[in-house]
Amino acid sequence: MINILIADDHQLLIDGIKTTLQDVQDINVIAEANNGFQVLEKLESQTEVDIILMDINMPKLDGLDCTKQVSKKFPDVKVIALSQYDEKRFVKRMIKNGAYGYLLKDSDRDTLVEAIKKVHAGEKYFCKRLSLRLASLELKMENTKSLFPKLSVREKEIISLICKEYSTQEIADKLFISFHTVESHRANLMQKAGVKNTAGLVRWAVENDFIE
């Protein structure tokens, strides 16, 4: 039996999912929550939860931060994002925070059931529309095989200073390196991020939690 916790701040959606899954063999909805704090409380008391269907936009503690906490505190519990947002930045952050899957709220019953069963079996699952977007994103990131390129310590220092509006010369002086070296790192960072300018690099750094 696959035990499900549904987390969403709209009771109507929770009820709809419960109705959708009630006749599905081997899937049982055992808990529900309206915000991230309730999710964590439920997991403390109901350790038999296997999968959470997690909304992103919830009050008090949203699905992004809740997923991050779940992955650390309850590593055996798998999260599937169930959201209205199909933007890459939300998908990427949920993956980074530990989600095993990402579905849109307009997904049909068969897709939902397939996602639950595959994630329970240890696989990742993304609905077809998002899979195409992720494939497109990976093609653009020429310098990495991952959605999240690894940055060196120096690159992290430089991107942090760029986001604090330091000029190239100011970064060079602060880190005791040459102007040319800073520009070289900046170019490499933009290639890894798949962006064309410094504004895009700053936005990418914020969205992917490389800086606060």
C-alpha atoms as a PDB file:
ATOM      1  CA  MET A   1       0.000   0.000   0.000  1.00  0.00           C
ATOM      2  CA  ILE A   2       1.246   3.492  -0.900  1.00  0.00           C
ATOM      3  CA  ASN A   3       0.250   5.973   1.791  1.00  0.00           C
ATOM      4  CA  ILE A   4      -0.329   9.545   0.635  1.00  0.00           C
ATOM      5  CA  LEU A   5      -0.356  12.917   2.383  1.00  0.00           C
ATOM      6  CA  ILE A   6      -1.960  15.757   0.391  1.00  0.00           C
ATOM      7  CA  ALA A   7      -0.695  19.257   1.183  1.00  0.00           C
ATOM      8  CA  ASP A   8      -2.662  22.176  -0.252  1.00  0.00           C
ATOM      9  CA  ASP A   9      -4.302  25.286   1.145  1.00  0.00           C
ATOM     10  CA  HIS A  10      -7.475  24.704  -0.873  1.00  0.00           C
ATOM     11  CA  GLN A  11      -9.699  22.076   0.706  1.00  0.00           C
ATOM     12  CA  LEU A  12     -11.659  21.690  -2.519  1.00  0.00           C
ATOM     13  CA  LEU A  13      -8.535  20.472  -4.303  1.00  0.00           C
ATOM     14  CA  ILE A  14      -7.679  18.079  -1.479  1.00  0.00           C
ATOM     15  CA  ASP A  15     -11.174  16.638  -1.608  1.00  0.00           C
ATOM     16  CA  GLY A  16     -10.948  16.318  -5.374  1.00  0.00           C
ATOM     17  CA  ILE A  17      -7.683  14.369  -5.220  1.00  0.00           C
ATOM     18  CA  LYS A  18      -9.049  12.109  -2.486  1.00  0.00           C
ATOM     19  CA  THR A  19     -12.080  11.346  -4.656  1.00  0.00           C
ATOM     20  CA  THR A  20      -9.831  10.733  -7.664  1.00  0.00           C
ATOM     21  CA  LEU A  21      -7.676   8.244  -5.767  1.00  0.00           C
ATOM     22  CA  GLN A  22     -10.277   6.528  -3.593  1.00  0.00           C
ATOM     23  CA  ASP A  23     -10.850   3.602  -5.975  1.00  0.00           C
ATOM     24  CA  VAL A  24      -7.218   3.153  -7.003  1.00  0.00           C
ATOM     25  CA  GLN A  25      -5.806  -0.129  -5.786  1.00  0.00           C
ATOM     26  CA  ASP A  26      -2.754   0.076  -3.485  1.00  0.00           C
ATOM     27  CA  ILE A  27      -3.004   3.864  -2.993  1.00  0.00           C
ATOM     28  CA  ASN A  28      -4.438   5.261   0.228  1.00  0.00           C
ATOM     29  CA  VAL A  29      -4.756   8.910   1.307  1.00  0.00           C
ATOM     30  CA  ILE A  30      -4.071   8.858   5.053  1.00  0.00           C
ATOM     31  CA  ALA A  31      -3.448  12.532   5.852  1.00  0.00           C
ATOM     32  CA  GLU A  32      -3.905  16.085   4.654  1.00  0.00           C
ATOM     33  CA  ALA A  33      -2.380  19.473   5.484  1.00  0.00           C
ATOM     34  CA  ASN A  34      -3.054  23.098   4.580  1.00  0.00           C
ATOM     35  CA  ASN A  35       0.484  24.463   5.036  1.00  0.00           C
ATOM     36  CA  GLY A  36       4.059  23.331   5.405  1.00  0.00           C
ATOM     37  CA  PHE A  37       4.082  23.393   9.205  1.00  0.00           C
ATOM     38  CA  GLN A  38       1.108  21.047   9.277  1.00  0.00           C
ATOM     39  CA  VAL A  39       2.970  18.716   6.902  1.00  0.00           C
ATOM     40  CA  LEU A  40       5.908  18.461   9.302  1.00  0.00           C
ATOM     41  CA  GLU A  41       3.563  17.924  12.257  1.00  0.00           C
ATOM     42  CA  LYS A  42       1.741  15.140  10.409  1.00  0.00           C
ATOM     43  CA  LEU A  43       5.013  13.419   9.541  1.00  0.00           C
ATOM     44  CA  GLU A  44       6.055  13.475  13.191  1.00  0.00           C
ATOM     45  CA  SER A  45       2.911  11.606  14.184  1.00  0.00           C
ATOM     46  CA  GLN A  46       2.232   9.543  11.047  1.00  0.00           C
ATOM     47  CA  THR A  47       5.519   7.948  10.097  1.00  0.00           C
ATOM     48  CA  GLU A  48       3.835   5.579   7.628  1.00  0.00           C
ATOM     49  CA  VAL A  49       3.503   8.334   4.980  1.00  0.00           C
ATOM     50  CA  ASP A  50       5.245   7.298   1.755  1.00  0.00           C
ATOM     51  CA  ILE A  51       4.519  10.191  -0.607  1.00  0.00           C
ATOM     52  CA  ILE A  52       3.468  13.816  -0.241  1.00  0.00           C
ATOM     53  CA  LEU A  53       1.566  15.587  -2.987  1.00  0.00           C
ATOM     54  CA  MET A  54       2.917  19.056  -2.255  1.00  0.00           C
ATOM     55  CA  ASP A  55       1.476  22.371  -3.363  1.00  0.00           C
ATOM     56  CA  ILE A  56       4.085  25.122  -3.781  1.00  0.00           C
ATOM     57  CA  ASN A  57       2.085  28.203  -2.829  1.00  0.00           C
ATOM     58  CA  MET A  58       0.911  27.614   0.750  1.00  0.00           C
ATOM     59  CA  PRO A  59       0.745  30.020   3.706  1.00  0.00           C
ATOM     60  CA  LYS A  60       3.104  30.056   6.723  1.00  0.00           C
ATOM     61  CA  LEU A  61       5.567  27.581   5.199  1.00  0.00           C
ATOM     62  CA  ASP A  62       5.431  27.132   1.432  1.00  0.00           C
ATOM     63  CA  GLY A  63       6.019  23.944  -0.521  1.00  0.00           C
ATOM     64  CA  LEU A  64       9.536  24.900  -1.587  1.00  0.00           C
ATOM     65  CA  ASP A  65      10.888  25.275   1.948  1.00  0.00           C
ATOM     66  CA  CYS A  66       8.754  22.452   3.291  1.00  0.00           C
ATOM     67  CA  THR A  67      10.139  20.058   0.678  1.00  0.00           C
ATOM     68  CA  LYS A  68      13.665  21.021   1.695  1.00  0.00           C
ATOM     69  CA  GLN A  69      12.900  20.252   5.336  1.00  0.00           C
ATOM     70  CA  VAL A  70      11.133  16.995   4.522  1.00  0.00           C
ATOM     71  CA  SER A  71      14.096  15.757   2.466  1.00  0.00           C
ATOM     72  CA  LYS A  72      16.426  16.407   5.423  1.00  0.00           C
ATOM     73  CA  LYS A  73      14.255  15.267   8.335  1.00  0.00           C
ATOM     74  CA  PHE A  74      12.279  12.467   6.652  1.00  0.00           C
ATOM     75  CA  PRO A  75      14.496  11.127   3.839  1.00  0.00           C
ATOM     76  CA  ASP A  76      12.277   8.079   3.276  1.00  0.00           C
ATOM     77  CA  VAL A  77       9.286  10.279   2.385  1.00  0.00           C
ATOM     78  CA  LYS A  78       9.153  11.273  -1.269  1.00  0.00           C
ATOM     79  CA  VAL A  79       7.661  14.547  -2.477  1.00  0.00           C
ATOM     80  CA  ILE A  80       5.757  15.128  -5.712  1.00  0.00           C
ATOM     81  CA  ALA A  81       5.070  18.786  -6.426  1.00  0.00           C
ATOM     82  CA  LEU A  82       1.498  19.379  -7.515  1.00  0.00           C
ATOM     83  CA  SER A  83       1.320  22.954  -8.708  1.00  0.00           C
ATOM     84  CA  GLN A  84      -0.303  25.407 -11.081  1.00  0.00           C
ATOM     85  CA  TYR A  85       3.119  26.844 -11.905  1.00  0.00           C
ATOM     86  CA  ASP A  86       4.950  25.444 -14.927  1.00  0.00           C
ATOM     87  CA  GLU A  87       7.827  27.943 -14.823  1.00  0.00           C
ATOM     88  CA  LYS A  88      11.285  26.389 -14.955  1.00  0.00           C
ATOM     89  CA  ARG A  89      12.467  28.264 -11.882  1.00  0.00           C
ATOM     90  CA  PHE A  90       9.857  26.544  -9.698  1.00  0.00           C
ATOM     91  CA  VAL A  91      10.593  23.137 -11.200  1.00  0.00           C
ATOM     92  CA  LYS A  92      14.328  23.583 -10.706  1.00  0.00           C
ATOM     93  CA  ARG A  93      13.987  24.738  -7.109  1.00  0.00           C
ATOM     94  CA  MET A  94      11.691  21.856  -6.201  1.00  0.00           C
ATOM     95  CA  ILE A  95      14.150  19.388  -7.715  1.00  0.00           C
ATOM     96  CA  LYS A  96      17.013  21.030  -5.867  1.00  0.00           C
ATOM     97  CA  ASN A  97      15.073  20.891  -2.605  1.00  0.00           C
ATOM     98  CA  GLY A  98      14.504  17.164  -2.959  1.00  0.00           C
ATOM     99  CA  ALA A  99      11.283  16.592  -4.914  1.00  0.00           C
ATOM    100  CA  TYR A 100      11.060  13.352  -6.877  1.00  0.00           C
ATOM    101  CA  GLY A 101       8.406  14.585  -9.259  1.00  0.00           C
ATOM    102  CA  TYR A 102       6.485  17.588 -10.520  1.00  0.00           C
ATOM    103  CA  LEU A 103       2.919  17.587 -11.795  1.00  0.00           C
ATOM    104  CA  LEU A 104       0.624  20.378 -12.882  1.00  0.00           C
ATOM    105  CA  LYS A 105      -2.757  20.631 -11.190  1.00  0.00           C
ATOM    106  CA  ASP A 106      -4.543  20.050 -14.486  1.00  0.00           C
ATOM    107  CA  SER A 107      -2.937  16.594 -14.813  1.00  0.00           C
ATOM    108  CA  ASP A 108      -5.415  13.788 -15.399  1.00  0.00           C
ATOM    109  CA  ARG A 109      -6.072  10.811 -13.125  1.00  0.00           C
ATOM    110  CA  ASP A 110      -3.872   8.388 -15.050  1.00  0.00           C
ATOM    111  CA  THR A 111      -0.910  10.760 -14.927  1.00  0.00           C
ATOM    112  CA  LEU A 112      -1.325  11.270 -11.179  1.00  0.00           C
ATOM    113  CA  VAL A 113      -1.504   7.546 -10.492  1.00  0.00           C
ATOM    114  CA  GLU A 114       1.475   6.839 -12.753  1.00  0.00           C
ATOM    115  CA  ALA A 115       3.523   9.525 -10.989  1.00  0.00           C
ATOM    116  CA  ILE A 116       2.718   8.131  -7.551  1.00  0.00           C
ATOM    117  CA  LYS A 117       3.616   4.562  -8.503  1.00  0.00           C
ATOM    118  CA  LYS A 118       6.848   5.481 -10.275  1.00  0.00           C
ATOM    119  CA  VAL A 119       8.054   7.772  -7.509  1.00  0.00           C
ATOM    120  CA  HIS A 120       7.212   5.123  -4.915  1.00  0.00           C
ATOM    121  CA  ALA A 121       9.384   2.743  -6.924  1.00  0.00           C
ATOM    122  CA  GLY A 122      12.284   5.192  -6.675  1.00  0.00           C
ATOM    123  CA  GLU A 123      11.997   6.855 -10.081  1.00  0.00           C
ATOM    124  CA  LYS A 124      11.740  10.543 -10.917  1.00  0.00           C
ATOM    125  CA  TYR A 125       8.579  11.697 -12.658  1.00  0.00           C
ATOM    126  CA  PHE A 126       7.663  14.852 -14.537  1.00  0.00           C
ATOM    127  CA  CYS A 127       4.571  15.355 -16.647  1.00  0.00           C
ATOM    128  CA  LYS A 128       5.145  15.416 -20.376  1.00  0.00           C
ATOM    129  CA  ARG A 129       4.890  19.198 -20.762  1.00  0.00           C
ATOM    130  CA  LEU A 130       7.537  19.771 -18.097  1.00  0.00           C
ATOM    131  CA  SER A 131       9.784  17.011 -19.434  1.00  0.00           C
ATOM    132  CA  LEU A 132       9.972  18.851 -22.743  1.00  0.00           C
ATOM    133  CA  ARG A 133      10.842  22.098 -20.983  1.00  0.00           C
ATOM    134  CA  LEU A 134      13.542  20.449 -18.893  1.00  0.00           C
ATOM    135  CA  ALA A 135      15.039  18.830 -21.982  1.00  0.00           C
ATOM    136  CA  SER A 136      15.138  22.232 -23.664  1.00  0.00           C
ATOM    137  CA  LEU A 137      16.813  23.749 -20.614  1.00  0.00           C
ATOM    138  CA  GLU A 138      19.507  21.071 -20.524  1.00  0.00           C
ATOM    139  CA  LEU A 139      20.331  21.689 -24.190  1.00  0.00           C
ATOM    140  CA  LYS A 140      20.901  25.363 -23.449  1.00  0.00           C
ATOM    141  CA  MET A 141      23.270  24.671 -20.576  1.00  0.00           C
ATOM    142  CA  GLU A 142      26.256  23.737 -22.735  1.00  0.00           C
ATOM    143  CA  ASN A 143      28.789  23.615 -19.934  1.00  0.00           C
ATOM    144  CA  THR A 144      27.039  21.110 -17.694  1.00  0.00           C
ATOM    145  CA  LYS A 145      25.168  17.830 -17.822  1.00  0.00           C
ATOM    146  CA  SER A 146      23.125  18.863 -14.816  1.00  0.00           C
ATOM    147  CA  LEU A 147      20.320  21.321 -14.242  1.00  0.00           C
ATOM    148  CA  PHE A 148      22.441  22.629 -11.392  1.00  0.00           C
ATOM    149  CA  PRO A 149      26.049  23.269 -12.437  1.00  0.00           C
ATOM    150  CA  LYS A 150      28.634  23.016  -9.717  1.00  0.00           C
ATOM    151  CA  LEU A 151      30.407  26.275  -8.953  1.00  0.00           C
ATOM    152  CA  SER A 152      33.924  26.480  -7.611  1.00  0.00           C
ATOM    153  CA  VAL A 153      34.647  28.377  -4.408  1.00  0.00           C
ATOM    154  CA  ARG A 154      36.074  31.239  -6.472  1.00  0.00           C
ATOM    155  CA  GLU A 155      33.028  31.318  -8.750  1.00  0.00           C
ATOM    156  CA  LYS A 156      30.736  31.498  -5.717  1.00  0.00           C
ATOM    157  CA  GLU A 157      32.785  34.409  -4.356  1.00  0.00           C
ATOM    158  CA  ILE A 158      32.575  36.248  -7.640  1.00  0.00           C
ATOM    159  CA  ILE A 159      28.876  35.686  -8.256  1.00  0.00           C
ATOM    160  CA  SER A 160      28.152  36.871  -4.714  1.00  0.00           C
ATOM    161  CA  LEU A 161      30.071  40.097  -5.329  1.00  0.00           C
ATOM    162  CA  ILE A 162      28.415  40.594  -8.728  1.00  0.00           C
ATOM    163  CA  CYS A 163      25.035  40.346  -7.025  1.00  0.00           C
ATOM    164  CA  LYS A 164      26.187  42.972  -4.515  1.00  0.00           C
ATOM    165  CA  GLU A 165      26.840  45.310  -7.480  1.00  0.00           C
ATOM    166  CA  TYR A 166      30.641  45.242  -7.277  1.00  0.00           C
ATOM    167  CA  SER A 167      32.331  46.290 -10.511  1.00  0.00           C
ATOM    168  CA  THR A 168      34.859  44.033 -12.219  1.00  0.00           C
ATOM    169  CA  GLN A 169      37.749  46.147 -10.947  1.00  0.00           C
ATOM    170  CA  GLU A 170      36.348  46.201  -7.404  1.00  0.00           C
ATOM    171  CA  ILE A 171      36.027  42.404  -7.444  1.00  0.00           C
ATOM    172  CA  ALA A 172      39.585  42.084  -8.746  1.00  0.00           C
ATOM    173  CA  ASP A 173      40.925  44.365  -5.991  1.00  0.00           C
ATOM    174  CA  LYS A 174      38.951  42.614  -3.245  1.00  0.00           C
ATOM    175  CA  LEU A 175      40.010  39.095  -4.284  1.00  0.00           C
ATOM    176  CA  PHE A 176      43.572  40.082  -5.301  1.00  0.00           C
ATOM    177  CA  ILE A 177      43.180  38.771  -8.833  1.00  0.00           C
ATOM    178  CA  SER A 178      43.421  40.434 -12.232  1.00  0.00           C
ATOM    179  CA  PHE A 179      40.664  42.272 -14.089  1.00  0.00           C
ATOM    180  CA  HIS A 180      40.986  39.729 -16.898  1.00  0.00           C
ATOM    181  CA  THR A 181      40.549  36.798 -14.472  1.00  0.00           C
ATOM    182  CA  VAL A 182      37.318  38.280 -13.110  1.00  0.00           C
ATOM    183  CA  GLU A 183      35.964  38.782 -16.627  1.00  0.00           C
ATOM    184  CA  SER A 184      36.907  35.204 -17.503  1.00  0.00           C
ATOM    185  CA  HIS A 185      35.027  33.888 -14.460  1.00  0.00           C
ATOM    186  CA  ARG A 186      32.033  36.082 -15.327  1.00  0.00           C
ATOM    187  CA  ALA A 187      31.935  34.636 -18.852  1.00  0.00           C
ATOM    188  CA  ASN A 188      32.174  31.073 -17.520  1.00  0.00           C
ATOM    189  CA  LEU A 189      29.395  31.738 -15.017  1.00  0.00           C
ATOM    190  CA  MET A 190      27.084  33.085 -17.716  1.00  0.00           C
ATOM    191  CA  GLN A 191      27.780  30.024 -19.846  1.00  0.00           C
ATOM    192  CA  LYS A 192      27.003  27.672 -16.959  1.00  0.00           C
ATOM    193  CA  ALA A 193      23.816  29.565 -16.161  1.00  0.00           C
ATOM    194  CA  GLY A 194      22.752  29.755 -19.793  1.00  0.00           C
ATOM    195  CA  VAL A 195      22.254  33.537 -19.662  1.00  0.00           C
ATOM    196  CA  LYS A 196      23.433  36.379 -21.882  1.00  0.00           C
ATOM    197  CA  ASN A 197      24.227  39.206 -19.496  1.00  0.00           C
ATOM    198  CA  THR A 198      24.929  40.166 -15.890  1.00  0.00           C
ATOM    199  CA  ALA A 199      21.265  40.889 -15.128  1.00  0.00           C
ATOM    200  CA  GLY A 200      20.382  37.363 -16.204  1.00  0.00           C
ATOM    201  CA  LEU A 201      23.223  35.975 -14.096  1.00  0.00           C
ATOM    202  CA  VAL A 202      21.987  37.791 -10.982  1.00  0.00           C
ATOM    203  CA  ARG A 203      18.429  36.542 -11.539  1.00  0.00           C
ATOM    204  CA  TRP A 204      19.698  32.985 -12.038  1.00  0.00           C
ATOM    205  CA  ALA A 205      21.797  33.163  -8.856  1.00  0.00           C
ATOM    206  CA  VAL A 206      18.806  34.285  -6.785  1.00  0.00           C
ATOM    207  CA  GLU A 207      16.405  31.745  -8.265  1.00  0.00           C
ATOM    208  CA  ASN A 208      18.818  28.877  -7.654  1.00  0.00           C
ATOM    209  CA  ASP A 209      19.805  29.863  -4.108  1.00  0.00           C
ATOM    210  CA  PHE A 210      23.449  30.547  -4.881  1.00  0.00           C
ATOM    211  CA  ILE A 211      22.980  33.764  -2.927  1.00  0.00           C
ATOM    212  CA  GLU A 212      20.433  34.969  -0.389  1.00  0.00           C
END
